[in-house]
mmCIF file of all heavy atoms, coordinates in Angstrom:
data_MODEL
# 
_entry.id   MODEL 
# 
loop_
_atom_site.group_PDB 
_atom_site.id 
_atom_site.type_symbol 
_atom_site.label_atom_id 
_atom_site.label_alt_id 
_atom_site.label_comp_id 
_atom_site.label_asym_id 
_atom_site.label_entity_id 
_atom_site.label_seq_id 
_atom_site.pdbx_PDB_ins_code 
_atom_site.Cartn_x 
_atom_site.Cartn_y 
_atom_site.Cartn_z 
_atom_site.occupancy 
_atom_site.B_iso_or_equiv 
_atom_site.pdbx_formal_charge 
_atom_site.auth_seq_id 
_atom_site.auth_comp_id 
_atom_site.auth_asym_id 
_atom_site.auth_atom_id 
_atom_site.pdbx_PDB_model_num 
ATOM 1   N N   . LEU A 1 1  ? -12.459 2.006   4.282  1.00 0.00 ? 1  LEU A N   1 
ATOM 2   C CA  . LEU A 1 1  ? -13.128 1.992   3.018  1.00 0.00 ? 1  LEU A CA  1 
ATOM 3   C C   . LEU A 1 1  ? -12.785 0.746   2.269  1.00 0.00 ? 1  LEU A C   1 
ATOM 4   O O   . LEU A 1 1  ? -13.743 -0.028  1.819  1.00 0.00 ? 1  LEU A O   1 
ATOM 5   C CB  . LEU A 1 1  ? -12.825 3.175   2.237  1.00 0.00 ? 1  LEU A CB  1 
ATOM 6   C CG  . LEU A 1 1  ? -13.312 3.152   0.708  1.00 0.00 ? 1  LEU A CG  1 
ATOM 7   C CD1 . LEU A 1 1  ? -14.858 3.242   0.804  1.00 0.00 ? 1  LEU A CD1 1 
ATOM 8   C CD2 . LEU A 1 1  ? -12.830 4.363   -0.012 1.00 0.00 ? 1  LEU A CD2 1 
ATOM 9   N N   . TRP A 1 2  ? -11.460 0.403   2.224  1.00 0.00 ? 2  TRP A N   1 
ATOM 10  C CA  . TRP A 1 2  ? -11.092 -0.785  1.526  1.00 0.00 ? 2  TRP A CA  1 
ATOM 11  C C   . TRP A 1 2  ? -11.628 -2.111  2.178  1.00 0.00 ? 2  TRP A C   1 
ATOM 12  O O   . TRP A 1 2  ? -11.761 -3.141  1.529  1.00 0.00 ? 2  TRP A O   1 
ATOM 13  C CB  . TRP A 1 2  ? -9.567  -0.876  1.451  1.00 0.00 ? 2  TRP A CB  1 
ATOM 14  C CG  . TRP A 1 2  ? -8.983  0.326   0.840  1.00 0.00 ? 2  TRP A CG  1 
ATOM 15  C CD1 . TRP A 1 2  ? -7.932  1.008   1.353  1.00 0.00 ? 2  TRP A CD1 1 
ATOM 16  C CD2 . TRP A 1 2  ? -9.336  0.990   -0.354 1.00 0.00 ? 2  TRP A CD2 1 
ATOM 17  N NE1 . TRP A 1 2  ? -7.552  2.036   0.495  1.00 0.00 ? 2  TRP A NE1 1 
ATOM 18  C CE2 . TRP A 1 2  ? -8.512  2.105   -0.519 1.00 0.00 ? 2  TRP A CE2 1 
ATOM 19  C CE3 . TRP A 1 2  ? -10.392 0.870   -1.304 1.00 0.00 ? 2  TRP A CE3 1 
ATOM 20  C CZ2 . TRP A 1 2  ? -8.600  3.023   -1.653 1.00 0.00 ? 2  TRP A CZ2 1 
ATOM 21  C CZ3 . TRP A 1 2  ? -10.476 1.719   -2.379 1.00 0.00 ? 2  TRP A CZ3 1 
ATOM 22  C CH2 . TRP A 1 2  ? -9.524  2.834   -2.457 1.00 0.00 ? 2  TRP A CH2 1 
ATOM 23  N N   . GLY A 1 3  ? -11.796 -2.039  3.504  1.00 0.00 ? 3  GLY A N   1 
ATOM 24  C CA  . GLY A 1 3  ? -12.205 -3.231  4.261  1.00 0.00 ? 3  GLY A CA  1 
ATOM 25  C C   . GLY A 1 3  ? -13.795 -3.362  4.424  1.00 0.00 ? 3  GLY A C   1 
ATOM 26  O O   . GLY A 1 3  ? -14.183 -4.329  5.031  1.00 0.00 ? 3  GLY A O   1 
ATOM 27  N N   . ALA A 1 4  ? -14.473 -2.428  3.736  1.00 0.00 ? 4  ALA A N   1 
ATOM 28  C CA  . ALA A 1 4  ? -15.875 -2.507  3.819  1.00 0.00 ? 4  ALA A CA  1 
ATOM 29  C C   . ALA A 1 4  ? -16.555 -3.677  3.135  1.00 0.00 ? 4  ALA A C   1 
ATOM 30  O O   . ALA A 1 4  ? -17.395 -4.285  3.653  1.00 0.00 ? 4  ALA A O   1 
ATOM 31  C CB  . ALA A 1 4  ? -16.432 -1.149  3.320  1.00 0.00 ? 4  ALA A CB  1 
ATOM 32  N N   . PRO A 1 5  ? -16.038 -4.093  1.808  1.00 0.00 ? 5  PRO A N   1 
ATOM 33  C CA  . PRO A 1 5  ? -16.673 -5.351  1.184  1.00 0.00 ? 5  PRO A CA  1 
ATOM 34  C C   . PRO A 1 5  ? -16.500 -6.575  2.076  1.00 0.00 ? 5  PRO A C   1 
ATOM 35  O O   . PRO A 1 5  ? -15.470 -6.743  2.651  1.00 0.00 ? 5  PRO A O   1 
ATOM 36  C CB  . PRO A 1 5  ? -15.913 -5.421  -0.025 1.00 0.00 ? 5  PRO A CB  1 
ATOM 37  C CG  . PRO A 1 5  ? -15.327 -3.971  -0.320 1.00 0.00 ? 5  PRO A CG  1 
ATOM 38  C CD  . PRO A 1 5  ? -15.054 -3.497  1.049  1.00 0.00 ? 5  PRO A CD  1 
ATOM 39  N N   . GLN A 1 6  ? -17.518 -7.419  2.028  1.00 0.00 ? 6  GLN A N   1 
ATOM 40  C CA  . GLN A 1 6  ? -17.452 -8.713  2.750  1.00 0.00 ? 6  GLN A CA  1 
ATOM 41  C C   . GLN A 1 6  ? -16.365 -9.566  2.101  1.00 0.00 ? 6  GLN A C   1 
ATOM 42  O O   . GLN A 1 6  ? -16.208 -9.507  0.759  1.00 0.00 ? 6  GLN A O   1 
ATOM 43  C CB  . GLN A 1 6  ? -18.745 -9.344  2.831  1.00 0.00 ? 6  GLN A CB  1 
ATOM 44  C CG  . GLN A 1 6  ? -19.768 -8.632  3.576  1.00 0.00 ? 6  GLN A CG  1 
ATOM 45  C CD  . GLN A 1 6  ? -19.473 -8.517  4.971  1.00 0.00 ? 6  GLN A CD  1 
ATOM 46  O OE1 . GLN A 1 6  ? -19.005 -9.354  5.702  1.00 0.00 ? 6  GLN A OE1 1 
ATOM 47  N NE2 . GLN A 1 6  ? -19.709 -7.279  5.524  1.00 0.00 ? 6  GLN A NE2 1 
ATOM 48  N N   . SER A 1 7  ? -15.661 -10.462 2.916  1.00 0.00 ? 7  SER A N   1 
ATOM 49  C CA  . SER A 1 7  ? -14.644 -11.300 2.366  1.00 0.00 ? 7  SER A CA  1 
ATOM 50  C C   . SER A 1 7  ? -15.085 -12.344 1.395  1.00 0.00 ? 7  SER A C   1 
ATOM 51  O O   . SER A 1 7  ? -14.458 -12.998 0.676  1.00 0.00 ? 7  SER A O   1 
ATOM 52  C CB  . SER A 1 7  ? -13.834 -11.931 3.499  1.00 0.00 ? 7  SER A CB  1 
ATOM 53  O OG  . SER A 1 7  ? -14.665 -12.715 4.299  1.00 0.00 ? 7  SER A OG  1 
ATOM 54  N N   . ASP A 1 8  ? -16.461 -12.698 1.498  1.00 0.00 ? 8  ASP A N   1 
ATOM 55  C CA  . ASP A 1 8  ? -17.002 -13.746 0.655  1.00 0.00 ? 8  ASP A CA  1 
ATOM 56  C C   . ASP A 1 8  ? -17.511 -13.213 -0.628 1.00 0.00 ? 8  ASP A C   1 
ATOM 57  O O   . ASP A 1 8  ? -18.159 -13.873 -1.407 1.00 0.00 ? 8  ASP A O   1 
ATOM 58  C CB  . ASP A 1 8  ? -18.178 -14.497 1.344  1.00 0.00 ? 8  ASP A CB  1 
ATOM 59  C CG  . ASP A 1 8  ? -19.245 -13.550 1.816  1.00 0.00 ? 8  ASP A CG  1 
ATOM 60  O OD1 . ASP A 1 8  ? -19.161 -12.339 1.651  1.00 0.00 ? 8  ASP A OD1 1 
ATOM 61  O OD2 . ASP A 1 8  ? -20.366 -13.955 2.291  1.00 0.00 ? 8  ASP A OD2 1 
ATOM 62  N N   . SER A 1 9  ? -17.162 -11.842 -0.959 1.00 0.00 ? 9  SER A N   1 
ATOM 63  C CA  . SER A 1 9  ? -17.559 -11.206 -2.209 1.00 0.00 ? 9  SER A CA  1 
ATOM 64  C C   . SER A 1 9  ? -16.296 -10.905 -2.908 1.00 0.00 ? 9  SER A C   1 
ATOM 65  O O   . SER A 1 9  ? -15.247 -10.517 -2.411 1.00 0.00 ? 9  SER A O   1 
ATOM 66  C CB  . SER A 1 9  ? -18.403 -9.972  -1.951 1.00 0.00 ? 9  SER A CB  1 
ATOM 67  O OG  . SER A 1 9  ? -18.555 -9.109  -3.131 1.00 0.00 ? 9  SER A OG  1 
ATOM 68  N N   . TRP A 1 10 ? -16.464 -11.008 -4.355 1.00 0.00 ? 10 TRP A N   1 
ATOM 69  C CA  . TRP A 1 10 ? -15.336 -10.650 -5.132 1.00 0.00 ? 10 TRP A CA  1 
ATOM 70  C C   . TRP A 1 10 ? -15.046 -9.154  -5.167 1.00 0.00 ? 10 TRP A C   1 
ATOM 71  O O   . TRP A 1 10 ? -13.944 -8.658  -5.543 1.00 0.00 ? 10 TRP A O   1 
ATOM 72  C CB  . TRP A 1 10 ? -15.633 -11.023 -6.667 1.00 0.00 ? 10 TRP A CB  1 
ATOM 73  C CG  . TRP A 1 10 ? -15.410 -12.525 -6.753 1.00 0.00 ? 10 TRP A CG  1 
ATOM 74  C CD1 . TRP A 1 10 ? -16.513 -13.372 -7.111 1.00 0.00 ? 10 TRP A CD1 1 
ATOM 75  C CD2 . TRP A 1 10 ? -14.319 -13.272 -6.796 1.00 0.00 ? 10 TRP A CD2 1 
ATOM 76  N NE1 . TRP A 1 10 ? -15.998 -14.631 -7.286 1.00 0.00 ? 10 TRP A NE1 1 
ATOM 77  C CE2 . TRP A 1 10 ? -14.637 -14.568 -7.013 1.00 0.00 ? 10 TRP A CE2 1 
ATOM 78  C CE3 . TRP A 1 10 ? -12.952 -13.000 -6.463 1.00 0.00 ? 10 TRP A CE3 1 
ATOM 79  C CZ2 . TRP A 1 10 ? -13.674 -15.732 -7.067 1.00 0.00 ? 10 TRP A CZ2 1 
ATOM 80  C CZ3 . TRP A 1 10 ? -12.077 -14.041 -6.501 1.00 0.00 ? 10 TRP A CZ3 1 
ATOM 81  C CH2 . TRP A 1 10 ? -12.441 -15.313 -6.723 1.00 0.00 ? 10 TRP A CH2 1 
ATOM 82  N N   . LEU A 1 11 ? -15.911 -8.361  -4.534 1.00 0.00 ? 11 LEU A N   1 
ATOM 83  C CA  . LEU A 1 11 ? -15.664 -6.859  -4.367 1.00 0.00 ? 11 LEU A CA  1 
ATOM 84  C C   . LEU A 1 11 ? -14.530 -6.595  -3.458 1.00 0.00 ? 11 LEU A C   1 
ATOM 85  O O   . LEU A 1 11 ? -13.896 -5.569  -3.465 1.00 0.00 ? 11 LEU A O   1 
ATOM 86  C CB  . LEU A 1 11 ? -16.868 -6.139  -3.794 1.00 0.00 ? 11 LEU A CB  1 
ATOM 87  C CG  . LEU A 1 11 ? -18.012 -5.871  -4.733 1.00 0.00 ? 11 LEU A CG  1 
ATOM 88  C CD1 . LEU A 1 11 ? -19.301 -5.339  -4.159 1.00 0.00 ? 11 LEU A CD1 1 
ATOM 89  C CD2 . LEU A 1 11 ? -17.596 -5.131  -6.135 1.00 0.00 ? 11 LEU A CD2 1 
ATOM 90  N N   . ALA A 1 12 ? -14.185 -7.627  -2.570 1.00 0.00 ? 12 ALA A N   1 
ATOM 91  C CA  . ALA A 1 12 ? -13.114 -7.469  -1.640 1.00 0.00 ? 12 ALA A CA  1 
ATOM 92  C C   . ALA A 1 12 ? -11.759 -7.219  -2.429 1.00 0.00 ? 12 ALA A C   1 
ATOM 93  O O   . ALA A 1 12 ? -10.897 -6.662  -2.018 1.00 0.00 ? 12 ALA A O   1 
ATOM 94  C CB  . ALA A 1 12 ? -13.014 -8.591  -0.732 1.00 0.00 ? 12 ALA A CB  1 
ATOM 95  N N   . LEU A 1 13 ? -11.810 -7.880  -3.609 1.00 0.00 ? 13 LEU A N   1 
ATOM 96  C CA  . LEU A 1 13 ? -10.529 -7.699  -4.431 1.00 0.00 ? 13 LEU A CA  1 
ATOM 97  C C   . LEU A 1 13 ? -10.290 -6.265  -4.844 1.00 0.00 ? 13 LEU A C   1 
ATOM 98  O O   . LEU A 1 13 ? -9.185  -5.786  -4.868 1.00 0.00 ? 13 LEU A O   1 
ATOM 99  C CB  . LEU A 1 13 ? -10.687 -8.492  -5.790 1.00 0.00 ? 13 LEU A CB  1 
ATOM 100 C CG  . LEU A 1 13 ? -9.468  -8.604  -6.708 1.00 0.00 ? 13 LEU A CG  1 
ATOM 101 C CD1 . LEU A 1 13 ? -8.312  -9.215  -6.019 1.00 0.00 ? 13 LEU A CD1 1 
ATOM 102 C CD2 . LEU A 1 13 ? -9.861  -9.417  -7.900 1.00 0.00 ? 13 LEU A CD2 1 
ATOM 103 N N   . VAL A 1 14 ? -11.430 -5.526  -5.007 1.00 0.00 ? 14 VAL A N   1 
ATOM 104 C CA  . VAL A 1 14 ? -11.226 -3.968  -5.245 1.00 0.00 ? 14 VAL A CA  1 
ATOM 105 C C   . VAL A 1 14 ? -10.673 -3.286  -4.001 1.00 0.00 ? 14 VAL A C   1 
ATOM 106 O O   . VAL A 1 14 ? -9.708  -2.532  -4.158 1.00 0.00 ? 14 VAL A O   1 
ATOM 107 C CB  . VAL A 1 14 ? -12.676 -3.472  -5.524 1.00 0.00 ? 14 VAL A CB  1 
ATOM 108 C CG1 . VAL A 1 14 ? -12.519 -1.937  -5.726 1.00 0.00 ? 14 VAL A CG1 1 
ATOM 109 C CG2 . VAL A 1 14 ? -13.256 -4.083  -6.768 1.00 0.00 ? 14 VAL A CG2 1 
ATOM 110 N N   . GLY A 1 15 ? -11.054 -3.744  -2.877 1.00 0.00 ? 15 GLY A N   1 
ATOM 111 C CA  . GLY A 1 15 ? -10.433 -3.203  -1.646 1.00 0.00 ? 15 GLY A CA  1 
ATOM 112 C C   . GLY A 1 15 ? -9.094  -3.507  -1.467 1.00 0.00 ? 15 GLY A C   1 
ATOM 113 O O   . GLY A 1 15 ? -8.264  -2.630  -1.073 1.00 0.00 ? 15 GLY A O   1 
ATOM 114 N N   . PHE A 1 16 ? -8.664  -4.734  -1.764 1.00 0.00 ? 16 PHE A N   1 
ATOM 115 C CA  . PHE A 1 16 ? -7.273  -5.125  -1.702 1.00 0.00 ? 16 PHE A CA  1 
ATOM 116 C C   . PHE A 1 16 ? -6.400  -4.342  -2.744 1.00 0.00 ? 16 PHE A C   1 
ATOM 117 O O   . PHE A 1 16 ? -5.243  -3.970  -2.356 1.00 0.00 ? 16 PHE A O   1 
ATOM 118 C CB  . PHE A 1 16 ? -7.007  -6.579  -1.835 1.00 0.00 ? 16 PHE A CB  1 
ATOM 119 C CG  . PHE A 1 16 ? -7.675  -7.470  -0.812 1.00 0.00 ? 16 PHE A CG  1 
ATOM 120 C CD1 . PHE A 1 16 ? -8.473  -8.560  -1.145 1.00 0.00 ? 16 PHE A CD1 1 
ATOM 121 C CD2 . PHE A 1 16 ? -7.582  -7.134  0.414  1.00 0.00 ? 16 PHE A CD2 1 
ATOM 122 C CE1 . PHE A 1 16 ? -9.095  -9.476  -0.190 1.00 0.00 ? 16 PHE A CE1 1 
ATOM 123 C CE2 . PHE A 1 16 ? -8.163  -7.887  1.482  1.00 0.00 ? 16 PHE A CE2 1 
ATOM 124 C CZ  . PHE A 1 16 ? -8.893  -8.982  1.181  1.00 0.00 ? 16 PHE A CZ  1 
ATOM 125 N N   . ALA A 1 17 ? -6.951  -4.168  -3.950 1.00 0.00 ? 17 ALA A N   1 
ATOM 126 C CA  . ALA A 1 17 ? -6.234  -3.419  -4.946 1.00 0.00 ? 17 ALA A CA  1 
ATOM 127 C C   . ALA A 1 17 ? -6.117  -1.888  -4.459 1.00 0.00 ? 17 ALA A C   1 
ATOM 128 O O   . ALA A 1 17 ? -5.011  -1.283  -4.757 1.00 0.00 ? 17 ALA A O   1 
ATOM 129 C CB  . ALA A 1 17 ? -6.868  -3.506  -6.266 1.00 0.00 ? 17 ALA A CB  1 
ATOM 130 N N   . GLY A 1 18 ? -7.093  -1.370  -3.916 1.00 0.00 ? 18 GLY A N   1 
ATOM 131 C CA  . GLY A 1 18 ? -7.067  0.019   -3.480 1.00 0.00 ? 18 GLY A CA  1 
ATOM 132 C C   . GLY A 1 18 ? -6.048  0.212   -2.399 1.00 0.00 ? 18 GLY A C   1 
ATOM 133 O O   . GLY A 1 18 ? -5.252  1.157   -2.392 1.00 0.00 ? 18 GLY A O   1 
ATOM 134 N N   . HIS A 1 19 ? -6.083  -0.747  -1.404 1.00 0.00 ? 19 HIS A N   1 
ATOM 135 C CA  . HIS A 1 19 ? -5.061  -0.717  -0.278 1.00 0.00 ? 19 HIS A CA  1 
ATOM 136 C C   . HIS A 1 19 ? -3.700  -0.775  -0.872 1.00 0.00 ? 19 HIS A C   1 
ATOM 137 O O   . HIS A 1 19 ? -2.741  -0.098  -0.409 1.00 0.00 ? 19 HIS A O   1 
ATOM 138 C CB  . HIS A 1 19 ? -5.367  -1.903  0.583  1.00 0.00 ? 19 HIS A CB  1 
ATOM 139 C CG  . HIS A 1 19 ? -4.344  -2.007  1.719  1.00 0.00 ? 19 HIS A CG  1 
ATOM 140 N ND1 . HIS A 1 19 ? -4.335  -1.352  2.798  1.00 0.00 ? 19 HIS A ND1 1 
ATOM 141 C CD2 . HIS A 1 19 ? -3.266  -2.814  1.752  1.00 0.00 ? 19 HIS A CD2 1 
ATOM 142 C CE1 . HIS A 1 19 ? -3.223  -1.553  3.611  1.00 0.00 ? 19 HIS A CE1 1 
ATOM 143 N NE2 . HIS A 1 19 ? -2.637  -2.553  2.927  1.00 0.00 ? 19 HIS A NE2 1 
ATOM 144 N N   . ALA A 1 20 ? -3.395  -1.740  -1.824 1.00 0.00 ? 20 ALA A N   1 
ATOM 145 C CA  . ALA A 1 20 ? -2.071  -1.873  -2.391 1.00 0.00 ? 20 ALA A CA  1 
ATOM 146 C C   . ALA A 1 20 ? -1.698  -0.601  -3.156 1.00 0.00 ? 20 ALA A C   1 
ATOM 147 O O   . ALA A 1 20 ? -0.484  -0.189  -2.880 1.00 0.00 ? 20 ALA A O   1 
ATOM 148 C CB  . ALA A 1 20 ? -2.121  -3.007  -3.336 1.00 0.00 ? 20 ALA A CB  1 
ATOM 149 N N   . PHE A 1 21 ? -2.560  0.040   -3.793 1.00 0.00 ? 21 PHE A N   1 
ATOM 150 C CA  . PHE A 1 21 ? -2.206  1.351   -4.518 1.00 0.00 ? 21 PHE A CA  1 
ATOM 151 C C   . PHE A 1 21 ? -1.854  2.474   -3.474 1.00 0.00 ? 21 PHE A C   1 
ATOM 152 O O   . PHE A 1 21 ? -0.798  3.091   -3.642 1.00 0.00 ? 21 PHE A O   1 
ATOM 153 C CB  . PHE A 1 21 ? -3.352  1.666   -5.417 1.00 0.00 ? 21 PHE A CB  1 
ATOM 154 C CG  . PHE A 1 21 ? -3.015  2.906   -6.176 1.00 0.00 ? 21 PHE A CG  1 
ATOM 155 C CD1 . PHE A 1 21 ? -2.309  3.031   -7.304 1.00 0.00 ? 21 PHE A CD1 1 
ATOM 156 C CD2 . PHE A 1 21 ? -3.524  4.217   -5.683 1.00 0.00 ? 21 PHE A CD2 1 
ATOM 157 C CE1 . PHE A 1 21 ? -2.084  4.195   -8.049 1.00 0.00 ? 21 PHE A CE1 1 
ATOM 158 C CE2 . PHE A 1 21 ? -3.237  5.450   -6.258 1.00 0.00 ? 21 PHE A CE2 1 
ATOM 159 C CZ  . PHE A 1 21 ? -2.511  5.367   -7.479 1.00 0.00 ? 21 PHE A CZ  1 
ATOM 160 N N   . ILE A 1 22 ? -2.696  2.540   -2.471 1.00 0.00 ? 22 ILE A N   1 
ATOM 161 C CA  . ILE A 1 22 ? -2.554  3.705   -1.621 1.00 0.00 ? 22 ILE A CA  1 
ATOM 162 C C   . ILE A 1 22 ? -1.288  3.553   -0.791 1.00 0.00 ? 22 ILE A C   1 
ATOM 163 O O   . ILE A 1 22 ? -0.450  4.486   -0.609 1.00 0.00 ? 22 ILE A O   1 
ATOM 164 C CB  . ILE A 1 22 ? -3.737  3.900   -0.642 1.00 0.00 ? 22 ILE A CB  1 
ATOM 165 C CG1 . ILE A 1 22 ? -4.982  4.295   -1.492 1.00 0.00 ? 22 ILE A CG1 1 
ATOM 166 C CG2 . ILE A 1 22 ? -3.534  4.829   0.429  1.00 0.00 ? 22 ILE A CG2 1 
ATOM 167 C CD1 . ILE A 1 22 ? -4.838  5.629   -2.107 1.00 0.00 ? 22 ILE A CD1 1 
ATOM 168 N N   . THR A 1 23 ? -1.096  2.370   -0.180 1.00 0.00 ? 23 THR A N   1 
ATOM 169 C CA  . THR A 1 23 ? 0.166   2.136   0.658  1.00 0.00 ? 23 THR A CA  1 
ATOM 170 C C   . THR A 1 23 ? 1.453   2.288   -0.148 1.00 0.00 ? 23 THR A C   1 
ATOM 171 O O   . THR A 1 23 ? 2.420   2.842   0.236  1.00 0.00 ? 23 THR A O   1 
ATOM 172 C CB  . THR A 1 23 ? 0.054   0.831   1.309  1.00 0.00 ? 23 THR A CB  1 
ATOM 173 O OG1 . THR A 1 23 ? -0.114  -0.272  0.378  1.00 0.00 ? 23 THR A OG1 1 
ATOM 174 C CG2 . THR A 1 23 ? -1.087  0.713   2.250  1.00 0.00 ? 23 THR A CG2 1 
ATOM 175 N N   . THR A 1 24 ? 1.391   1.761   -1.473 1.00 0.00 ? 24 THR A N   1 
ATOM 176 C CA  . THR A 1 24 ? 2.581   1.870   -2.279 1.00 0.00 ? 24 THR A CA  1 
ATOM 177 C C   . THR A 1 24 ? 2.857   3.323   -2.689 1.00 0.00 ? 24 THR A C   1 
ATOM 178 O O   . THR A 1 24 ? 3.991   3.870   -2.638 1.00 0.00 ? 24 THR A O   1 
ATOM 179 C CB  . THR A 1 24 ? 2.483   1.059   -3.577 1.00 0.00 ? 24 THR A CB  1 
ATOM 180 O OG1 . THR A 1 24 ? 2.184   -0.266  -3.182 1.00 0.00 ? 24 THR A OG1 1 
ATOM 181 C CG2 . THR A 1 24 ? 3.743   1.064   -4.347 1.00 0.00 ? 24 THR A CG2 1 
ATOM 182 N N   . ALA A 1 25 ? 1.742   4.115   -2.944 1.00 0.00 ? 25 ALA A N   1 
ATOM 183 C CA  . ALA A 1 25 ? 1.833   5.499   -3.308 1.00 0.00 ? 25 ALA A CA  1 
ATOM 184 C C   . ALA A 1 25 ? 2.472   6.247   -2.038 1.00 0.00 ? 25 ALA A C   1 
ATOM 185 O O   . ALA A 1 25 ? 3.251   7.227   -2.227 1.00 0.00 ? 25 ALA A O   1 
ATOM 186 C CB  . ALA A 1 25 ? 0.578   6.014   -3.771 1.00 0.00 ? 25 ALA A CB  1 
ATOM 187 N N   . LEU A 1 26 ? 1.893   5.931   -0.954 1.00 0.00 ? 26 LEU A N   1 
ATOM 188 C CA  . LEU A 1 26 ? 2.430   6.671   0.292  1.00 0.00 ? 26 LEU A CA  1 
ATOM 189 C C   . LEU A 1 26 ? 3.875   6.388   0.646  1.00 0.00 ? 26 LEU A C   1 
ATOM 190 O O   . LEU A 1 26 ? 4.527   7.204   1.028  1.00 0.00 ? 26 LEU A O   1 
ATOM 191 C CB  . LEU A 1 26 ? 1.568   6.312   1.456  1.00 0.00 ? 26 LEU A CB  1 
ATOM 192 C CG  . LEU A 1 26 ? 0.145   6.833   1.452  1.00 0.00 ? 26 LEU A CG  1 
ATOM 193 C CD1 . LEU A 1 26 ? -0.717  6.292   2.703  1.00 0.00 ? 26 LEU A CD1 1 
ATOM 194 C CD2 . LEU A 1 26 ? 0.023   8.321   1.305  1.00 0.00 ? 26 LEU A CD2 1 
ATOM 195 N N   . LEU A 1 27 ? 4.257   5.134   0.269  1.00 0.00 ? 27 LEU A N   1 
ATOM 196 C CA  . LEU A 1 27 ? 5.677   4.796   0.438  1.00 0.00 ? 27 LEU A CA  1 
ATOM 197 C C   . LEU A 1 27 ? 6.555   5.549   -0.456 1.00 0.00 ? 27 LEU A C   1 
ATOM 198 O O   . LEU A 1 27 ? 7.585   6.055   -0.137 1.00 0.00 ? 27 LEU A O   1 
ATOM 199 C CB  . LEU A 1 27 ? 5.781   3.232   0.299  1.00 0.00 ? 27 LEU A CB  1 
ATOM 200 C CG  . LEU A 1 27 ? 7.194   2.705   0.437  1.00 0.00 ? 27 LEU A CG  1 
ATOM 201 C CD1 . LEU A 1 27 ? 7.887   2.934   1.796  1.00 0.00 ? 27 LEU A CD1 1 
ATOM 202 C CD2 . LEU A 1 27 ? 7.368   1.142   0.114  1.00 0.00 ? 27 LEU A CD2 1 
ATOM 203 N N   . ALA A 1 28 ? 6.102   5.578   -1.806 1.00 0.00 ? 28 ALA A N   1 
ATOM 204 C CA  . ALA A 1 28 ? 6.800   6.331   -2.731 1.00 0.00 ? 28 ALA A CA  1 
ATOM 205 C C   . ALA A 1 28 ? 7.018   7.827   -2.333 1.00 0.00 ? 28 ALA A C   1 
ATOM 206 O O   . ALA A 1 28 ? 7.882   8.476   -2.548 1.00 0.00 ? 28 ALA A O   1 
ATOM 207 C CB  . ALA A 1 28 ? 6.157   6.178   -4.171 1.00 0.00 ? 28 ALA A CB  1 
# 
């Protein structure tokens, strides 16, 4: 899901933020 936005779109930033939140939450 996080990797769905194209890298040439600013929507990719949403994917990176979602990935950062999920991986950090799973680590916690």
